[in-house]
Amino acid sequence: MGETVKERGDGSAELVKSVADKHAGLVRPVAKYYSAVKDAMVCGKGRYTLVKDVDEVENGVYDKPLPCFGCGIGWFSFLLGFVFPFLWYYATFLYFGNYYRKDPRERAGLAASAITAMGFSLLLLVIVVFWWL
């Protein structure tokens, strides 16, 4: 792809690789595609080859909407937890069970619910201790 023949002054030739080809394993996949298109444009005198079909769009995690009215389980549990505190503990269980690996957008809401559950537990502990004393 990035190989060129370099002629020396004494008439011999040497095959030279580009830096991108030498370190192709370290380059991100997008950069590899860019390098391939760039080399094709240089070698083809302005013509380029299509690396990936435009209509072939990968459906990712972010294409589907979040559950619970679009705000996610974490934020829904956080907001509704002020009325039903048990939901904070449910979201904490999901957070420590790595539920956010299914959808990374859930991580912030689940973390907020876990922090709130910890604060609520401490508050209950302080109230119980002062009530018994």
N, C-alpha and C. Protein backbone atom coordinates (compact mmCIF):
# COMPACT_ATOMS: atom_id res chain seq x y z
N MET A 1 0.84 -1.19 0.00
CA MET A 1 0.00 0.00 0.00
C MET A 1 0.88 1.25 0.00
N GLY A 2 1.80 1.35 0.95
CA GLY A 2 2.64 2.52 1.02
C GLY A 2 4.06 2.23 0.62
N GLU A 3 4.26 1.20 -0.20
CA GLU A 3 5.61 0.83 -0.61
C GLU A 3 5.99 1.59 -1.86
N THR A 4 7.19 2.11 -1.88
CA THR A 4 7.70 2.79 -3.07
C THR A 4 9.11 2.29 -3.34
N VAL A 5 9.52 2.44 -4.56
CA VAL A 5 10.87 2.04 -4.95
C VAL A 5 11.72 3.30 -5.00
N LYS A 6 12.79 3.27 -4.25
CA LYS A 6 13.69 4.42 -4.20
C LYS A 6 14.99 4.03 -4.89
N GLU A 7 15.37 4.80 -5.90
CA GLU A 7 16.60 4.50 -6.65
C GLU A 7 17.77 5.24 -6.02
N ARG A 8 18.87 4.50 -5.91
CA ARG A 8 20.08 5.08 -5.35
C ARG A 8 20.93 5.65 -6.48
N GLY A 9 21.92 6.38 -6.11
CA GLY A 9 22.81 7.00 -7.10
C GLY A 9 23.66 6.00 -7.86
N ASP A 10 23.90 4.81 -7.28
CA ASP A 10 24.74 3.84 -7.96
C ASP A 10 23.96 2.92 -8.88
N GLY A 11 22.68 3.18 -9.12
CA GLY A 11 21.87 2.40 -10.05
C GLY A 11 21.07 1.30 -9.38
N SER A 12 21.29 1.01 -8.08
CA SER A 12 20.52 -0.03 -7.41
C SER A 12 19.21 0.57 -6.88
N ALA A 13 18.27 -0.29 -6.60
CA ALA A 13 16.96 0.16 -6.12
C ALA A 13 16.70 -0.45 -4.74
N GLU A 14 15.88 0.25 -3.99
CA GLU A 14 15.57 -0.18 -2.63
C GLU A 14 14.07 -0.02 -2.42
N LEU A 15 13.43 -1.02 -1.81
CA LEU A 15 12.01 -0.98 -1.52
C LEU A 15 11.81 -0.29 -0.17
N VAL A 16 11.04 0.79 -0.16
CA VAL A 16 10.85 1.59 1.04
C VAL A 16 9.40 1.52 1.45
N LYS A 17 9.15 1.26 2.75
CA LYS A 17 7.79 1.25 3.29
C LYS A 17 7.53 2.57 3.99
N SER A 18 6.28 2.97 3.97
CA SER A 18 5.94 4.20 4.69
C SER A 18 5.87 3.91 6.18
N VAL A 19 5.91 4.96 6.98
CA VAL A 19 5.87 4.83 8.43
C VAL A 19 4.54 4.24 8.88
N ALA A 20 3.46 4.59 8.20
CA ALA A 20 2.14 4.08 8.56
C ALA A 20 2.07 2.57 8.38
N ASP A 21 2.74 2.02 7.35
CA ASP A 21 2.72 0.59 7.14
C ASP A 21 3.57 -0.14 8.17
N LYS A 22 4.64 0.46 8.61
CA LYS A 22 5.50 -0.17 9.61
C LYS A 22 4.79 -0.31 10.95
N HIS A 23 3.96 0.66 11.30
CA HIS A 23 3.30 0.69 12.59
C HIS A 23 1.79 0.59 12.43
N ALA A 24 1.32 -0.24 11.51
CA ALA A 24 -0.11 -0.34 11.25
C ALA A 24 -0.88 -0.90 12.44
N GLY A 25 -0.25 -1.70 13.26
CA GLY A 25 -0.93 -2.26 14.42
C GLY A 25 -1.21 -1.23 15.49
N LEU A 26 -0.48 -0.13 15.50
CA LEU A 26 -0.66 0.89 16.52
C LEU A 26 -1.67 1.96 16.12
N VAL A 27 -2.04 1.96 14.86
CA VAL A 27 -2.92 3.00 14.34
C VAL A 27 -4.37 2.58 14.52
N ARG A 28 -5.22 3.52 14.84
CA ARG A 28 -6.64 3.25 14.98
C ARG A 28 -7.22 2.82 13.63
N PRO A 29 -8.32 2.02 13.63
CA PRO A 29 -8.88 1.54 12.36
C PRO A 29 -9.27 2.65 11.41
N VAL A 30 -9.77 3.75 11.92
CA VAL A 30 -10.17 4.85 11.05
C VAL A 30 -8.95 5.42 10.33
N ALA A 31 -7.84 5.49 11.03
CA ALA A 31 -6.62 6.00 10.41
C ALA A 31 -6.12 5.05 9.33
N LYS A 32 -6.33 3.75 9.52
CA LYS A 32 -5.95 2.79 8.48
C LYS A 32 -6.75 3.03 7.22
N TYR A 33 -8.08 3.25 7.38
CA TYR A 33 -8.92 3.52 6.22
C TYR A 33 -8.49 4.82 5.53
N TYR A 34 -8.20 5.83 6.34
CA TYR A 34 -7.76 7.10 5.77
C TYR A 34 -6.46 6.93 5.00
N SER A 35 -5.55 6.14 5.55
CA SER A 35 -4.29 5.90 4.88
C SER A 35 -4.50 5.17 3.57
N ALA A 36 -5.42 4.20 3.55
CA ALA A 36 -5.69 3.45 2.33
C ALA A 36 -6.29 4.35 1.25
N VAL A 37 -7.21 5.22 1.63
CA VAL A 37 -7.82 6.13 0.66
C VAL A 37 -6.79 7.14 0.16
N LYS A 38 -5.97 7.63 1.09
CA LYS A 38 -4.94 8.60 0.71
C LYS A 38 -3.94 7.99 -0.27
N ASP A 39 -3.49 6.75 0.01
CA ASP A 39 -2.56 6.09 -0.90
C ASP A 39 -3.21 5.81 -2.25
N ALA A 40 -4.49 5.44 -2.26
CA ALA A 40 -5.17 5.16 -3.52
C ALA A 40 -5.31 6.43 -4.35
N MET A 41 -5.50 7.56 -3.69
CA MET A 41 -5.63 8.83 -4.42
C MET A 41 -4.28 9.24 -5.02
N VAL A 42 -3.20 9.00 -4.28
CA VAL A 42 -1.88 9.37 -4.78
C VAL A 42 -1.47 8.47 -5.93
N CYS A 43 -1.69 7.15 -5.77
CA CYS A 43 -1.28 6.21 -6.81
C CYS A 43 -2.19 6.26 -8.02
N GLY A 44 -3.47 6.55 -7.81
CA GLY A 44 -4.43 6.55 -8.91
C GLY A 44 -4.60 7.90 -9.56
N LYS A 45 -3.79 8.84 -9.23
CA LYS A 45 -3.83 10.19 -9.81
C LYS A 45 -5.21 10.82 -9.69
N GLY A 46 -5.68 10.91 -8.46
CA GLY A 46 -6.95 11.59 -8.23
C GLY A 46 -8.12 10.64 -8.09
N ARG A 47 -8.01 9.41 -8.50
CA ARG A 47 -9.09 8.45 -8.33
C ARG A 47 -8.99 7.84 -6.94
N TYR A 48 -10.09 7.46 -6.40
CA TYR A 48 -10.08 6.85 -5.08
C TYR A 48 -10.94 5.60 -5.10
N THR A 49 -10.68 4.74 -4.16
CA THR A 49 -11.49 3.53 -4.00
C THR A 49 -12.32 3.66 -2.75
N LEU A 50 -13.53 3.17 -2.80
CA LEU A 50 -14.43 3.23 -1.67
C LEU A 50 -14.07 2.11 -0.70
N VAL A 51 -13.71 2.47 0.50
CA VAL A 51 -13.29 1.50 1.49
C VAL A 51 -14.49 0.83 2.14
N LYS A 52 -15.52 1.60 2.45
CA LYS A 52 -16.70 1.08 3.12
C LYS A 52 -17.93 1.66 2.45
N ASP A 53 -18.95 0.83 2.30
CA ASP A 53 -20.17 1.28 1.66
C ASP A 53 -20.90 2.26 2.57
N VAL A 54 -21.39 3.33 2.01
CA VAL A 54 -22.06 4.37 2.78
C VAL A 54 -23.37 3.86 3.37
N ASP A 55 -24.08 3.00 2.64
CA ASP A 55 -25.35 2.49 3.13
C ASP A 55 -25.18 1.45 4.23
N GLU A 56 -23.98 0.95 4.40
CA GLU A 56 -23.71 -0.09 5.39
C GLU A 56 -23.35 0.56 6.72
N VAL A 57 -24.33 1.15 7.39
CA VAL A 57 -24.11 1.82 8.66
C VAL A 57 -24.30 0.80 9.77
N GLU A 58 -23.35 0.73 10.69
CA GLU A 58 -23.46 -0.21 11.79
C GLU A 58 -24.44 0.33 12.83
N ASN A 59 -25.35 -0.51 13.25
CA ASN A 59 -26.28 -0.13 14.30
C ASN A 59 -25.59 -0.31 15.63
N GLY A 60 -25.41 0.78 16.35
CA GLY A 60 -24.71 0.72 17.63
C GLY A 60 -25.66 0.72 18.79
N VAL A 61 -25.10 0.89 19.96
CA VAL A 61 -25.87 0.90 21.19
C VAL A 61 -26.76 2.14 21.24
N TYR A 62 -26.30 3.23 20.66
CA TYR A 62 -26.99 4.50 20.81
C TYR A 62 -28.16 4.69 19.85
N ASP A 63 -28.43 3.72 19.01
CA ASP A 63 -29.56 3.85 18.08
C ASP A 63 -30.89 3.61 18.76
N LYS A 64 -30.92 2.75 19.76
CA LYS A 64 -32.18 2.46 20.44
C LYS A 64 -32.38 3.43 21.61
N PRO A 65 -33.61 3.83 21.86
CA PRO A 65 -33.85 4.78 22.96
C PRO A 65 -33.68 4.10 24.32
N LEU A 66 -33.41 4.92 25.31
CA LEU A 66 -33.27 4.41 26.67
C LEU A 66 -34.64 4.02 27.23
N PRO A 67 -34.68 3.03 28.12
CA PRO A 67 -35.96 2.68 28.74
C PRO A 67 -36.41 3.74 29.73
N CYS A 68 -37.56 3.59 30.30
CA CYS A 68 -38.12 4.49 31.32
C CYS A 68 -38.27 5.91 30.79
N PHE A 69 -39.05 6.05 29.76
CA PHE A 69 -39.39 7.35 29.18
C PHE A 69 -38.19 8.08 28.60
N GLY A 70 -37.18 7.36 28.19
CA GLY A 70 -36.02 7.94 27.52
C GLY A 70 -34.93 8.47 28.42
N CYS A 71 -35.13 8.41 29.74
CA CYS A 71 -34.08 8.94 30.62
C CYS A 71 -33.23 7.84 31.23
N GLY A 72 -33.53 6.60 31.02
CA GLY A 72 -32.73 5.50 31.53
C GLY A 72 -33.18 5.05 32.91
N ILE A 73 -32.80 3.83 33.23
CA ILE A 73 -33.19 3.25 34.51
C ILE A 73 -32.54 3.99 35.67
N GLY A 74 -31.29 4.41 35.51
CA GLY A 74 -30.56 5.07 36.58
C GLY A 74 -31.18 6.40 36.99
N TRP A 75 -31.41 7.27 36.01
CA TRP A 75 -31.98 8.58 36.35
C TRP A 75 -33.44 8.45 36.76
N PHE A 76 -34.15 7.50 36.18
CA PHE A 76 -35.54 7.27 36.58
C PHE A 76 -35.59 6.82 38.04
N SER A 77 -34.68 5.90 38.42
CA SER A 77 -34.63 5.45 39.81
C SER A 77 -34.19 6.57 40.74
N PHE A 78 -33.26 7.41 40.27
CA PHE A 78 -32.81 8.53 41.08
C PHE A 78 -33.96 9.49 41.39
N LEU A 79 -34.71 9.87 40.37
CA LEU A 79 -35.80 10.83 40.57
C LEU A 79 -36.96 10.24 41.36
N LEU A 80 -37.35 9.02 41.01
CA LEU A 80 -38.47 8.40 41.70
C LEU A 80 -38.08 7.90 43.09
N GLY A 81 -36.77 7.82 43.35
CA GLY A 81 -36.28 7.38 44.65
C GLY A 81 -36.60 8.35 45.78
N PHE A 82 -36.85 9.60 45.46
CA PHE A 82 -37.23 10.55 46.50
C PHE A 82 -38.62 10.24 47.06
N VAL A 83 -39.42 9.52 46.27
CA VAL A 83 -40.73 9.08 46.75
C VAL A 83 -40.64 7.65 47.28
N PHE A 84 -39.93 6.79 46.56
CA PHE A 84 -39.74 5.38 46.94
C PHE A 84 -38.24 5.10 47.04
N PRO A 85 -37.62 5.30 48.21
CA PRO A 85 -36.17 5.15 48.36
C PRO A 85 -35.63 3.77 47.99
N PHE A 86 -36.49 2.76 47.98
CA PHE A 86 -36.05 1.42 47.60
C PHE A 86 -35.47 1.41 46.17
N LEU A 87 -35.92 2.29 45.32
CA LEU A 87 -35.42 2.35 43.94
C LEU A 87 -33.94 2.75 43.89
N TRP A 88 -33.47 3.52 44.86
CA TRP A 88 -32.05 3.86 44.90
C TRP A 88 -31.21 2.60 45.12
N TYR A 89 -31.71 1.72 45.99
CA TYR A 89 -30.97 0.48 46.27
C TYR A 89 -31.03 -0.47 45.07
N TYR A 90 -32.14 -0.47 44.37
CA TYR A 90 -32.24 -1.26 43.15
C TYR A 90 -31.23 -0.78 42.11
N ALA A 91 -31.12 0.52 41.92
CA ALA A 91 -30.16 1.08 40.96
C ALA A 91 -28.73 0.84 41.43
N THR A 92 -28.50 0.85 42.74
CA THR A 92 -27.16 0.55 43.27
C THR A 92 -26.78 -0.90 42.96
N PHE A 93 -27.73 -1.80 43.11
CA PHE A 93 -27.50 -3.20 42.76
C PHE A 93 -27.16 -3.33 41.27
N LEU A 94 -27.87 -2.61 40.43
CA LEU A 94 -27.57 -2.64 38.99
C LEU A 94 -26.19 -2.03 38.70
N TYR A 95 -25.84 -0.98 39.41
CA TYR A 95 -24.54 -0.32 39.19
C TYR A 95 -23.39 -1.25 39.55
N PHE A 96 -23.47 -1.89 40.71
CA PHE A 96 -22.40 -2.79 41.11
C PHE A 96 -22.45 -4.12 40.36
N GLY A 97 -23.55 -4.40 39.70
CA GLY A 97 -23.65 -5.58 38.84
C GLY A 97 -23.21 -5.30 37.42
N ASN A 98 -22.62 -4.11 37.19
CA ASN A 98 -22.10 -3.69 35.87
C ASN A 98 -23.18 -3.69 34.79
N TYR A 99 -24.37 -3.27 35.13
CA TYR A 99 -25.45 -3.16 34.15
C TYR A 99 -25.12 -2.14 33.07
N TYR A 100 -24.30 -1.14 33.41
CA TYR A 100 -23.99 -0.08 32.46
C TYR A 100 -23.12 -0.58 31.31
N ARG A 101 -22.58 -1.78 31.40
CA ARG A 101 -21.80 -2.32 30.27
C ARG A 101 -22.70 -2.64 29.09
N LYS A 102 -23.98 -2.90 29.35
CA LYS A 102 -24.93 -3.12 28.25
C LYS A 102 -25.19 -1.82 27.51
N ASP A 103 -25.27 -0.73 28.25
CA ASP A 103 -25.49 0.58 27.66
C ASP A 103 -24.74 1.61 28.50
N PRO A 104 -23.64 2.15 28.01
CA PRO A 104 -22.83 3.08 28.81
C PRO A 104 -23.55 4.37 29.20
N ARG A 105 -24.63 4.68 28.51
CA ARG A 105 -25.38 5.89 28.86
C ARG A 105 -26.04 5.78 30.23
N GLU A 106 -26.19 4.56 30.74
CA GLU A 106 -26.84 4.34 32.04
C GLU A 106 -25.91 4.61 33.22
N ARG A 107 -24.61 4.70 32.98
CA ARG A 107 -23.65 4.73 34.08
C ARG A 107 -23.84 5.93 35.01
N ALA A 108 -24.03 7.11 34.49
CA ALA A 108 -24.14 8.32 35.32
C ALA A 108 -25.36 8.25 36.23
N GLY A 109 -26.49 7.85 35.71
CA GLY A 109 -27.70 7.77 36.52
C GLY A 109 -27.61 6.71 37.60
N LEU A 110 -27.02 5.56 37.24
CA LEU A 110 -26.86 4.50 38.23
C LEU A 110 -25.89 4.92 39.33
N ALA A 111 -24.83 5.63 38.95
CA ALA A 111 -23.87 6.11 39.95
C ALA A 111 -24.52 7.15 40.87
N ALA A 112 -25.33 8.03 40.31
CA ALA A 112 -26.02 9.03 41.12
C ALA A 112 -26.97 8.35 42.11
N SER A 113 -27.65 7.32 41.67
CA SER A 113 -28.54 6.59 42.57
C SER A 113 -27.76 5.87 43.66
N ALA A 114 -26.59 5.32 43.32
CA ALA A 114 -25.77 4.62 44.31
C ALA A 114 -25.26 5.60 45.37
N ILE A 115 -24.84 6.77 44.96
CA ILE A 115 -24.36 7.78 45.91
C ILE A 115 -25.51 8.25 46.81
N THR A 116 -26.66 8.45 46.22
CA THR A 116 -27.82 8.88 47.01
C THR A 116 -28.25 7.80 47.99
N ALA A 117 -28.18 6.54 47.56
CA ALA A 117 -28.53 5.43 48.48
C ALA A 117 -27.57 5.38 49.65
N MET A 118 -26.29 5.64 49.40
CA MET A 118 -25.31 5.65 50.48
C MET A 118 -25.60 6.80 51.46
N GLY A 119 -25.91 7.97 50.93
CA GLY A 119 -26.24 9.10 51.79
C GLY A 119 -27.51 8.86 52.59
N PHE A 120 -28.49 8.25 51.95
CA PHE A 120 -29.75 7.95 52.64
C PHE A 120 -29.50 6.93 53.75
N SER A 121 -28.65 5.94 53.49
CA SER A 121 -28.33 4.93 54.51
C SER A 121 -27.63 5.56 55.70
N LEU A 122 -26.69 6.46 55.45
CA LEU A 122 -26.01 7.16 56.54
C LEU A 122 -26.98 8.02 57.34
N LEU A 123 -27.88 8.68 56.66
CA LEU A 123 -28.89 9.49 57.34
C LEU A 123 -29.77 8.62 58.23
N LEU A 124 -30.20 7.48 57.72
CA LEU A 124 -31.01 6.56 58.54
C LEU A 124 -30.22 6.05 59.74
N LEU A 125 -28.94 5.76 59.54
CA LEU A 125 -28.09 5.29 60.64
C LEU A 125 -27.96 6.35 61.73
N VAL A 126 -27.76 7.60 61.34
CA VAL A 126 -27.65 8.69 62.32
C VAL A 126 -28.97 8.87 63.07
N ILE A 127 -30.08 8.80 62.37
CA ILE A 127 -31.40 8.95 63.02
C ILE A 127 -31.63 7.83 64.01
N VAL A 128 -31.30 6.59 63.65
CA VAL A 128 -31.49 5.44 64.55
C VAL A 128 -30.59 5.55 65.77
N VAL A 129 -29.34 5.97 65.59
CA VAL A 129 -28.42 6.09 66.71
C VAL A 129 -28.91 7.17 67.69
N PHE A 130 -29.34 8.32 67.20
CA PHE A 130 -29.82 9.38 68.09
C PHE A 130 -31.15 9.02 68.74
N TRP A 131 -31.94 8.21 68.09
CA TRP A 131 -33.24 7.83 68.65
C TRP A 131 -33.05 6.88 69.82
N TRP A 132 -32.04 5.99 69.71
CA TRP A 132 -31.80 5.03 70.79
C TRP A 132 -31.05 5.67 71.96
N LEU A 133 -30.34 6.74 71.74
CA LEU A 133 -29.61 7.38 72.83
C LEU A 133 -30.52 8.34 73.50
